[in-house]
Amino acid sequence: MSTPTVPNISITPTKQDVKSAWAEWLNSKAWTYWTTFTTRYELTLNSARRLAERIAKFTLDGNDTYMFWVAEEFDVRDGQHIHALIKTDISWDELRRFGLRYGRCYIESYDPAIGAGRYVSKYISKRMTDYDWIQGRGMRYQTRPLPLTSKDINKVA
């Protein structure tokens, strides 16, 4: 599978430019699930990344599987939780059983009309966040944080 074409963001983007570009790009992908994972324990940014990598290891089983995740800060308690868009062949039941090991998980089939890409992308410009794109088993195209300019993005692609 070829390297994905990443969002086209202007050279001096505003937060809205960044969110809109990522939302448009994420909405152009063929996702399977829209998910939220909330642990029973306080999840730091580093531990959120480790959990996202565990989710990817469990769900990404081939070259045509990928995930975009973002850690969002709780507004009512300390720590983070994870939102993810996932393209996988794993069943809903398998993913739910996996997610329940860590706490609560919300999983629904992806509906492009809802625009989950916009929902996930709104967190990348927030204060305490981390996010990443992971493709296939262990094939990471970029690590934190993803580039914000089209010039930087093209270096990744």
Foldseek 3Di string as FASTA:
>chain_A
DDDDQAFAAAADHDLVSQLVRQLVRVLVDDFFKKKKFDFPDAAAQVNQVVVVLVLCQVFFAFQNKKKKKKWAADPPDGHTIMIMTIHGPDDPVVSQVVRPVGPDMDMDTDDSVVRVSSVRSNRLPDDRMFMAMDGHNPRGLDGPPQDRHNVSSVVSD
